[in-house]
Amino acid sequence: MKKNEKNQMHDMKHEELDRVIKETQKSLAEYLISRYSKQSKNVHIGRQMRRKIAVAKTIARVKELSV
């Protein structure tokens, strides 16, 4: 995840972060299913999605605690 993406997440509202988390979790689930059913060219995408979810959840939690 690039620094620019993290900065954009910091500027998002809590609802937008929840949407990003849900979309990324959904795409991760789809990737995990397709990973075993067909050959994947990009094997690192699962780790990238898990990291994006973790960063988004961390930012959401920090915003929740600061309010």
PDB file of N, CA and C in Angstrom:
ATOM      1  N   MET A   1       0.844  -1.163   0.000  1.00  0.00           N
ATOM      2  CA  MET A   1       0.000   0.000   0.000  1.00  0.00           C
ATOM      3  C   MET A   1       0.899   1.239   0.000  1.00  0.00           C
ATOM      4  N   LYS A   2       0.577   2.145  -0.868  1.00  0.00           N
ATOM      5  CA  LYS A   2       1.389   3.340  -0.992  1.00  0.00           C
ATOM      6  C   LYS A   2       1.002   4.368   0.065  1.00  0.00           C
ATOM      7  N   LYS A   3       1.933   5.247   0.350  1.00  0.00           N
ATOM      8  CA  LYS A   3       1.719   6.272   1.367  1.00  0.00           C
ATOM      9  C   LYS A   3       0.559   7.189   0.983  1.00  0.00           C
ATOM     10  N   ASN A   4       0.420   7.447  -0.303  1.00  0.00           N
ATOM     11  CA  ASN A   4      -0.663   8.289  -0.787  1.00  0.00           C
ATOM     12  C   ASN A   4      -2.026   7.666  -0.467  1.00  0.00           C
ATOM     13  N   GLU A   5      -2.135   6.341  -0.612  1.00  0.00           N
ATOM     14  CA  GLU A   5      -3.383   5.654  -0.301  1.00  0.00           C
ATOM     15  C   GLU A   5      -3.704   5.751   1.189  1.00  0.00           C
ATOM     16  N   LYS A   6      -2.681   5.637   2.025  1.00  0.00           N
ATOM     17  CA  LYS A   6      -2.886   5.751   3.466  1.00  0.00           C
ATOM     18  C   LYS A   6      -3.349   7.158   3.834  1.00  0.00           C
ATOM     19  N   ASN A   7      -2.758   8.162   3.208  1.00  0.00           N
ATOM     20  CA  ASN A   7      -3.163   9.544   3.475  1.00  0.00           C
ATOM     21  C   ASN A   7      -4.603   9.787   3.043  1.00  0.00           C
ATOM     22  N   GLN A   8      -5.017   9.177   1.931  1.00  0.00           N
ATOM     23  CA  GLN A   8      -6.392   9.305   1.492  1.00  0.00           C
ATOM     24  C   GLN A   8      -7.341   8.654   2.496  1.00  0.00           C
ATOM     25  N   MET A   9      -6.925   7.528   3.078  1.00  0.00           N
ATOM     26  CA  MET A   9      -7.754   6.855   4.076  1.00  0.00           C
ATOM     27  C   MET A   9      -7.890   7.706   5.335  1.00  0.00           C
ATOM     28  N   HIS A  10      -6.846   8.413   5.704  1.00  0.00           N
ATOM     29  CA  HIS A  10      -6.912   9.279   6.884  1.00  0.00           C
ATOM     30  C   HIS A  10      -7.918  10.417   6.668  1.00  0.00           C
ATOM     31  N   ASP A  11      -8.090  10.835   5.420  1.00  0.00           N
ATOM     32  CA  ASP A  11      -9.014  11.919   5.112  1.00  0.00           C
ATOM     33  C   ASP A  11     -10.461  11.449   4.994  1.00  0.00           C
ATOM     34  N   MET A  12     -10.675  10.137   4.884  1.00  0.00           N
ATOM     35  CA  MET A  12     -12.027   9.599   4.736  1.00  0.00           C
ATOM     36  C   MET A  12     -12.804   9.675   6.040  1.00  0.00           C
ATOM     37  N   LYS A  13     -14.125   9.669   5.886  1.00  0.00           N
ATOM     38  CA  LYS A  13     -15.000   9.605   7.049  1.00  0.00           C
ATOM     39  C   LYS A  13     -15.135   8.151   7.478  1.00  0.00           C
ATOM     40  N   HIS A  14     -15.708   7.950   8.655  1.00  0.00           N
ATOM     41  CA  HIS A  14     -15.826   6.601   9.217  1.00  0.00           C
ATOM     42  C   HIS A  14     -16.679   5.693   8.311  1.00  0.00           C
ATOM     43  N   GLU A  15     -17.753   6.231   7.748  1.00  0.00           N
ATOM     44  CA  GLU A  15     -18.625   5.442   6.875  1.00  0.00           C
ATOM     45  C   GLU A  15     -17.892   4.999   5.616  1.00  0.00           C
ATOM     46  N   GLU A  16     -17.073   5.891   5.072  1.00  0.00           N
ATOM     47  CA  GLU A  16     -16.305   5.552   3.872  1.00  0.00           C
ATOM     48  C   GLU A  16     -15.284   4.466   4.175  1.00  0.00           C
ATOM     49  N   LEU A  17     -14.663   4.543   5.355  1.00  0.00           N
ATOM     50  CA  LEU A  17     -13.698   3.514   5.736  1.00  0.00           C
ATOM     51  C   LEU A  17     -14.383   2.160   5.880  1.00  0.00           C
ATOM     52  N   ASP A  18     -15.581   2.153   6.458  1.00  0.00           N
ATOM     53  CA  ASP A  18     -16.328   0.897   6.573  1.00  0.00           C
ATOM     54  C   ASP A  18     -16.627   0.308   5.202  1.00  0.00           C
ATOM     55  N   ARG A  19     -16.965   1.180   4.254  1.00  0.00           N
ATOM     56  CA  ARG A  19     -17.244   0.719   2.892  1.00  0.00           C
ATOM     57  C   ARG A  19     -15.997   0.114   2.256  1.00  0.00           C
ATOM     58  N   VAL A  20     -14.852   0.767   2.454  1.00  0.00           N
ATOM     59  CA  VAL A  20     -13.592   0.257   1.909  1.00  0.00           C
ATOM     60  C   VAL A  20     -13.258  -1.102   2.525  1.00  0.00           C
ATOM     61  N   ILE A  21     -13.463  -1.233   3.825  1.00  0.00           N
ATOM     62  CA  ILE A  21     -13.176  -2.491   4.507  1.00  0.00           C
ATOM     63  C   ILE A  21     -14.062  -3.606   3.954  1.00  0.00           C
ATOM     64  N   LYS A  22     -15.349  -3.348   3.814  1.00  0.00           N
ATOM     65  CA  LYS A  22     -16.281  -4.371   3.319  1.00  0.00           C
ATOM     66  C   LYS A  22     -15.976  -4.770   1.883  1.00  0.00           C
ATOM     67  N   GLU A  23     -15.668  -3.790   1.041  1.00  0.00           N
ATOM     68  CA  GLU A  23     -15.353  -4.091  -0.359  1.00  0.00           C
ATOM     69  C   GLU A  23     -14.075  -4.914  -0.466  1.00  0.00           C
ATOM     70  N   THR A  24     -13.078  -4.553   0.334  1.00  0.00           N
ATOM     71  CA  THR A  24     -11.812  -5.269   0.280  1.00  0.00           C
ATOM     72  C   THR A  24     -11.970  -6.685   0.823  1.00  0.00           C
ATOM     73  N   GLN A  25     -12.764  -6.857   1.875  1.00  0.00           N
ATOM     74  CA  GLN A  25     -13.007  -8.195   2.412  1.00  0.00           C
ATOM     75  C   GLN A  25     -13.736  -9.057   1.392  1.00  0.00           C
ATOM     76  N   LYS A  26     -14.675  -8.459   0.682  1.00  0.00           N
ATOM     77  CA  LYS A  26     -15.411  -9.200  -0.337  1.00  0.00           C
ATOM     78  C   LYS A  26     -14.481  -9.630  -1.475  1.00  0.00           C
ATOM     79  N   SER A  27     -13.636  -8.721  -1.934  1.00  0.00           N
ATOM     80  CA  SER A  27     -12.714  -9.064  -3.021  1.00  0.00           C
ATOM     81  C   SER A  27     -11.668 -10.067  -2.552  1.00  0.00           C
ATOM     82  N   LEU A  28     -11.271 -10.015  -1.277  1.00  0.00           N
ATOM     83  CA  LEU A  28     -10.334 -11.002  -0.738  1.00  0.00           C
ATOM     84  C   LEU A  28     -10.974 -12.380  -0.720  1.00  0.00           C
ATOM     85  N   ALA A  29     -12.234 -12.462  -0.322  1.00  0.00           N
ATOM     86  CA  ALA A  29     -12.933 -13.744  -0.307  1.00  0.00           C
ATOM     87  C   ALA A  29     -13.037 -14.323  -1.716  1.00  0.00           C
ATOM     88  N   GLU A  30     -13.360 -13.470  -2.681  1.00  0.00           N
ATOM     89  CA  GLU A  30     -13.438 -13.919  -4.071  1.00  0.00           C
ATOM     90  C   GLU A  30     -12.076 -14.388  -4.568  1.00  0.00           C
ATOM     91  N   TYR A  31     -11.026 -13.680  -4.193  1.00  0.00           N
ATOM     92  CA  TYR A  31      -9.679 -14.060  -4.609  1.00  0.00           C
ATOM     93  C   TYR A  31      -9.295 -15.407  -4.020  1.00  0.00           C
ATOM     94  N   LEU A  32      -9.599 -15.626  -2.737  1.00  0.00           N
ATOM     95  CA  LEU A  32      -9.231 -16.882  -2.095  1.00  0.00           C
ATOM     96  C   LEU A  32      -9.952 -18.062  -2.729  1.00  0.00           C
ATOM     97  N   ILE A  33     -11.195 -17.856  -3.125  1.00  0.00           N
ATOM     98  CA  ILE A  33     -11.931 -18.930  -3.799  1.00  0.00           C
ATOM     99  C   ILE A  33     -11.330 -19.205  -5.171  1.00  0.00           C
ATOM    100  N   SER A  34     -11.035 -18.157  -5.913  1.00  0.00           N
ATOM    101  CA  SER A  34     -10.499 -18.341  -7.259  1.00  0.00           C
ATOM    102  C   SER A  34      -9.047 -18.813  -7.239  1.00  0.00           C
ATOM    103  N   ARG A  35      -8.346 -18.571  -6.150  1.00  0.00           N
ATOM    104  CA  ARG A  35      -6.944 -18.985  -6.062  1.00  0.00           C
ATOM    105  C   ARG A  35      -6.814 -20.501  -6.152  1.00  0.00           C
ATOM    106  N   TYR A  36      -7.764 -21.205  -5.580  1.00  0.00           N
ATOM    107  CA  TYR A  36      -7.691 -22.662  -5.591  1.00  0.00           C
ATOM    108  C   TYR A  36      -8.387 -23.274  -6.797  1.00  0.00           C
ATOM    109  N   SER A  37      -9.230 -22.519  -7.467  1.00  0.00           N
ATOM    110  CA  SER A  37      -9.940 -23.066  -8.612  1.00  0.00           C
ATOM    111  C   SER A  37      -9.207 -22.826  -9.936  1.00  0.00           C
ATOM    112  N   LYS A  38      -8.354 -21.811  -9.976  1.00  0.00           N
ATOM    113  CA  LYS A  38      -7.598 -21.556 -11.199  1.00  0.00           C
ATOM    114  C   LYS A  38      -6.233 -20.973 -10.847  1.00  0.00           C
ATOM    115  N   GLN A  39      -5.333 -21.016 -11.801  1.00  0.00           N
ATOM    116  CA  GLN A  39      -3.985 -20.511 -11.605  1.00  0.00           C
ATOM    117  C   GLN A  39      -3.999 -18.991 -11.520  1.00  0.00           C
ATOM    118  N   SER A  40      -3.371 -18.458 -10.490  1.00  0.00           N
ATOM    119  CA  SER A  40      -3.311 -17.015 -10.308  1.00  0.00           C
ATOM    120  C   SER A  40      -1.955 -16.502 -10.761  1.00  0.00           C
ATOM    121  N   LYS A  41      -1.965 -15.395 -11.482  1.00  0.00           N
ATOM    122  CA  LYS A  41      -0.710 -14.810 -11.943  1.00  0.00           C
ATOM    123  C   LYS A  41      -0.072 -13.952 -10.865  1.00  0.00           C
ATOM    124  N   ASN A  42      -0.897 -13.254 -10.083  1.00  0.00           N
ATOM    125  CA  ASN A  42      -0.375 -12.380  -9.043  1.00  0.00           C
ATOM    126  C   ASN A  42      -0.641 -13.033  -7.691  1.00  0.00           C
ATOM    127  N   VAL A  43       0.368 -13.660  -7.135  1.00  0.00           N
ATOM    128  CA  VAL A  43       0.187 -14.402  -5.890  1.00  0.00           C
ATOM    129  C   VAL A  43       0.315 -13.512  -4.662  1.00  0.00           C
ATOM    130  N   HIS A  44       0.737 -12.277  -4.830  1.00  0.00           N
ATOM    131  CA  HIS A  44       0.939 -11.378  -3.698  1.00  0.00           C
ATOM    132  C   HIS A  44      -0.294 -10.532  -3.391  1.00  0.00           C
ATOM    133  N   ILE A  45      -1.304 -10.626  -4.209  1.00  0.00           N
ATOM    134  CA  ILE A  45      -2.467  -9.754  -4.038  1.00  0.00           C
ATOM    135  C   ILE A  45      -3.233 -10.056  -2.749  1.00  0.00           C
ATOM    136  N   GLY A  46      -3.241 -11.302  -2.309  1.00  0.00           N
ATOM    137  CA  GLY A  46      -3.930 -11.652  -1.068  1.00  0.00           C
ATOM    138  C   GLY A  46      -3.321 -10.947   0.128  1.00  0.00           C
ATOM    139  N   ARG A  47      -2.022 -10.929   0.192  1.00  0.00           N
ATOM    140  CA  ARG A  47      -1.332 -10.251   1.286  1.00  0.00           C
ATOM    141  C   ARG A  47      -1.586  -8.747   1.241  1.00  0.00           C
ATOM    142  N   GLN A  48      -1.587  -8.174   0.041  1.00  0.00           N
ATOM    143  CA  GLN A  48      -1.844  -6.750  -0.106  1.00  0.00           C
ATOM    144  C   GLN A  48      -3.245  -6.383   0.374  1.00  0.00           C
ATOM    145  N   MET A  49      -4.221  -7.240   0.060  1.00  0.00           N
ATOM    146  CA  MET A  49      -5.588  -6.969   0.498  1.00  0.00           C
ATOM    147  C   MET A  49      -5.711  -7.077   2.013  1.00  0.00           C
ATOM    148  N   ARG A  50      -5.065  -8.082   2.605  1.00  0.00           N
ATOM    149  CA  ARG A  50      -5.110  -8.227   4.062  1.00  0.00           C
ATOM    150  C   ARG A  50      -4.485  -7.022   4.743  1.00  0.00           C
ATOM    151  N   ARG A  51      -3.404  -6.514   4.196  1.00  0.00           N
ATOM    152  CA  ARG A  51      -2.763  -5.321   4.766  1.00  0.00           C
ATOM    153  C   ARG A  51      -3.647  -4.091   4.622  1.00  0.00           C
ATOM    154  N   LYS A  52      -4.322  -3.956   3.487  1.00  0.00           N
ATOM    155  CA  LYS A  52      -5.212  -2.816   3.271  1.00  0.00           C
ATOM    156  C   LYS A  52      -6.359  -2.848   4.274  1.00  0.00           C
ATOM    157  N   ILE A  53      -6.893  -4.036   4.536  1.00  0.00           N
ATOM    158  CA  ILE A  53      -7.958  -4.178   5.528  1.00  0.00           C
ATOM    159  C   ILE A  53      -7.449  -3.788   6.906  1.00  0.00           C
ATOM    160  N   ALA A  54      -6.251  -4.242   7.256  1.00  0.00           N
ATOM    161  CA  ALA A  54      -5.690  -3.938   8.570  1.00  0.00           C
ATOM    162  C   ALA A  54      -5.462  -2.442   8.749  1.00  0.00           C
ATOM    163  N   VAL A  55      -4.941  -1.794   7.738  1.00  0.00           N
ATOM    164  CA  VAL A  55      -4.696  -0.354   7.820  1.00  0.00           C
ATOM    165  C   VAL A  55      -6.008   0.403   7.950  1.00  0.00           C
ATOM    166  N   ALA A  56      -7.000   0.012   7.160  1.00  0.00           N
ATOM    167  CA  ALA A  56      -8.298   0.690   7.208  1.00  0.00           C
ATOM    168  C   ALA A  56      -8.960   0.499   8.569  1.00  0.00           C
ATOM    169  N   LYS A  57      -8.883  -0.710   9.123  1.00  0.00           N
ATOM    170  CA  LYS A  57      -9.467  -0.959  10.440  1.00  0.00           C
ATOM    171  C   LYS A  57      -8.741  -0.167  11.523  1.00  0.00           C
ATOM    172  N   THR A  58      -7.427  -0.057  11.410  1.00  0.00           N
ATOM    173  CA  THR A  58      -6.646   0.703  12.383  1.00  0.00           C
ATOM    174  C   THR A  58      -7.025   2.176  12.342  1.00  0.00           C
ATOM    175  N   ILE A  59      -7.116   2.730  11.145  1.00  0.00           N
ATOM    176  CA  ILE A  59      -7.483   4.143  11.005  1.00  0.00           C
ATOM    177  C   ILE A  59      -8.898   4.379  11.537  1.00  0.00           C
ATOM    178  N   ALA A  60      -9.811   3.449  11.234  1.00  0.00           N
ATOM    179  CA  ALA A  60     -11.192   3.584  11.719  1.00  0.00           C
ATOM    180  C   ALA A  60     -11.235   3.542  13.234  1.00  0.00           C
ATOM    181  N   ARG A  61     -10.456   2.685  13.836  1.00  0.00           N
ATOM    182  CA  ARG A  61     -10.430   2.582  15.293  1.00  0.00           C
ATOM    183  C   ARG A  61      -9.851   3.841  15.930  1.00  0.00           C
ATOM    184  N   VAL A  62      -8.808   4.384  15.337  1.00  0.00           N
ATOM    185  CA  VAL A  62      -8.208   5.615  15.855  1.00  0.00           C
ATOM    186  C   VAL A  62      -9.214   6.756  15.784  1.00  0.00           C
ATOM    187  N   LYS A  63      -9.946   6.846  14.680  1.00  0.00           N
ATOM    188  CA  LYS A  63     -10.959   7.890  14.547  1.00  0.00           C
ATOM    189  C   LYS A  63     -12.076   7.690  15.547  1.00  0.00           C
ATOM    190  N   GLU A  64     -12.438   6.439  15.799  1.00  0.00           N
ATOM    191  CA  GLU A  64     -13.493   6.131  16.766  1.00  0.00           C
ATOM    192  C   GLU A  64     -13.090   6.535  18.177  1.00  0.00           C
ATOM    193  N   LEU A  65     -11.856   6.292  18.525  1.00  0.00           N
ATOM    194  CA  LEU A  65     -11.382   6.614  19.867  1.00  0.00           C
ATOM    195  C   LEU A  65     -11.146   8.105  20.061  1.00  0.00           C
ATOM    196  N   SER A  66     -10.835   8.821  18.979  1.00  0.00           N
ATOM    197  CA  SER A  66     -10.548  10.245  19.104  1.00  0.00           C
ATOM    198  C   SER A  66     -11.811  11.083  19.226  1.00  0.00           C
ATOM    199  N   VAL A  67     -12.955  10.519  18.855  1.00  0.00           N
ATOM    200  CA  VAL A  67     -14.226  11.276  18.923  1.00  0.00           C
ATOM    201  C   VAL A  67     -14.773  11.268  20.314  1.00  0.00           C
TER     202      VAL A  67
END
